Protein backbone atom coordinates (compact mmCIF):
# COMPACT_ATOMS: atom_id res chain seq x y z
CA MET A 1 -10.45 1.59 -26.17
CA SER A 2 -9.90 -1.85 -24.65
CA MET A 3 -12.67 -3.48 -22.65
CA ARG A 4 -10.50 -3.23 -19.53
CA ASP A 5 -10.15 0.53 -20.05
CA ARG A 6 -13.88 0.88 -20.78
CA LEU A 7 -14.81 -0.95 -17.56
CA ALA A 8 -12.32 1.12 -15.54
CA ALA A 9 -13.66 4.40 -16.99
CA LYS A 10 -17.28 3.54 -16.25
CA LEU A 11 -16.51 2.34 -12.73
CA THR A 12 -14.41 5.44 -12.00
CA ALA A 13 -17.17 7.76 -13.20
CA ALA A 14 -19.86 5.97 -11.21
CA PHE A 15 -18.08 5.22 -7.93
CA GLU A 16 -15.07 7.58 -7.65
CA PRO A 17 -13.01 4.76 -6.13
CA SER A 18 -9.93 5.33 -3.99
CA THR A 19 -8.62 2.03 -5.36
CA LEU A 20 -9.54 0.35 -8.63
CA ILE A 21 -7.87 -2.66 -10.22
CA VAL A 22 -9.40 -4.18 -13.36
CA GLU A 23 -7.60 -7.30 -14.56
CA ASP A 24 -8.32 -9.10 -17.82
CA GLU A 25 -8.13 -12.78 -16.88
CA SER A 26 -9.41 -14.05 -20.24
CA HIS A 27 -6.18 -15.92 -20.93
CA ARG A 28 -6.90 -18.14 -17.92
CA HIS A 29 -10.23 -19.21 -19.45
CA ALA A 30 -9.19 -19.98 -23.03
CA GLY A 31 -11.32 -22.81 -24.38
CA HIS A 32 -13.94 -22.43 -21.65
CA ALA A 33 -17.54 -21.25 -22.03
CA GLY A 34 -17.78 -17.62 -23.07
CA SER A 35 -14.17 -17.44 -24.21
CA ARG A 36 -13.47 -15.71 -27.52
CA PRO A 37 -10.34 -15.29 -29.60
CA GLY A 38 -8.68 -12.06 -28.53
CA GLY A 39 -9.95 -12.36 -24.95
CA GLU A 40 -11.60 -9.44 -23.15
CA THR A 41 -14.33 -11.73 -21.79
CA HIS A 42 -13.30 -12.54 -18.19
CA PHE A 43 -12.41 -9.81 -15.69
CA ASN A 44 -11.49 -9.47 -12.03
CA VAL A 45 -12.35 -6.13 -10.39
CA GLN A 46 -11.10 -4.97 -7.01
CA MET A 47 -12.52 -1.64 -5.91
CA VAL A 48 -12.64 0.47 -2.76
CA SER A 49 -15.30 3.19 -2.73
CA ALA A 50 -17.20 5.26 -0.20
CA ALA A 51 -20.27 4.61 -2.36
CA PHE A 52 -20.40 1.13 -0.80
CA ILE A 53 -20.70 2.34 2.80
CA GLY A 54 -23.83 0.88 4.40
CA LYS A 55 -24.43 -1.47 1.44
CA SER A 56 -24.51 -5.25 1.70
CA ARG A 57 -22.31 -7.42 -0.50
CA VAL A 58 -25.30 -8.18 -2.73
CA GLU A 59 -26.22 -4.48 -3.01
CA ARG A 60 -22.64 -3.60 -3.98
CA HIS A 61 -22.63 -6.25 -6.70
CA ARG A 62 -25.98 -5.04 -8.01
CA MET A 63 -24.67 -1.47 -8.16
CA VAL A 64 -21.69 -2.54 -10.27
CA HIS A 65 -23.80 -4.78 -12.50
CA ALA A 66 -26.18 -1.87 -13.16
CA VAL A 67 -23.30 0.37 -14.27
CA LEU A 68 -21.81 -2.34 -16.50
CA GLU A 69 -25.14 -3.65 -17.82
CA ALA A 70 -24.32 -3.15 -21.51
CA GLU A 71 -20.88 -4.75 -21.25
CA LEU A 72 -22.23 -7.74 -19.31
CA ARG A 73 -25.00 -8.21 -21.85
CA ASP A 74 -22.86 -7.88 -24.98
CA SER A 75 -19.19 -8.63 -24.30
CA VAL A 76 -18.15 -9.64 -20.80
CA HIS A 77 -18.83 -13.27 -19.93
CA ALA A 78 -17.52 -13.34 -16.34
CA LEU A 79 -16.91 -10.64 -13.76
CA ALA A 80 -15.31 -11.43 -10.38
CA LEU A 81 -15.84 -8.63 -7.86
CA LYS A 82 -14.15 -7.67 -4.60
CA LEU A 83 -15.88 -4.49 -3.42
CA GLU A 84 -14.88 -2.78 -0.19
CA THR A 85 -15.37 0.43 1.75
CA PRO A 86 -12.42 2.65 2.75
CA SER A 87 -10.69 1.78 6.02
CA ALA A 88 -11.29 4.17 8.88
């Protein structure tokens, strides 16, 4: 399973998002800190979930970081997050 698929599966299980986009942007960071041959180190996540209702931006980021703790510790160097609540 690719790292992108692994992140998507864990985020889906934890947050049941109505929208989830996980993009591997590793190619844009080749040669930079944390980059590895084969990529799968830099990701951009856009997610809409009711789980974020009433949560601050910092709380939302902490929730995602808690779910992806192992990946962030061992494999993922950078994670850009755009986390929103569903529109009314």
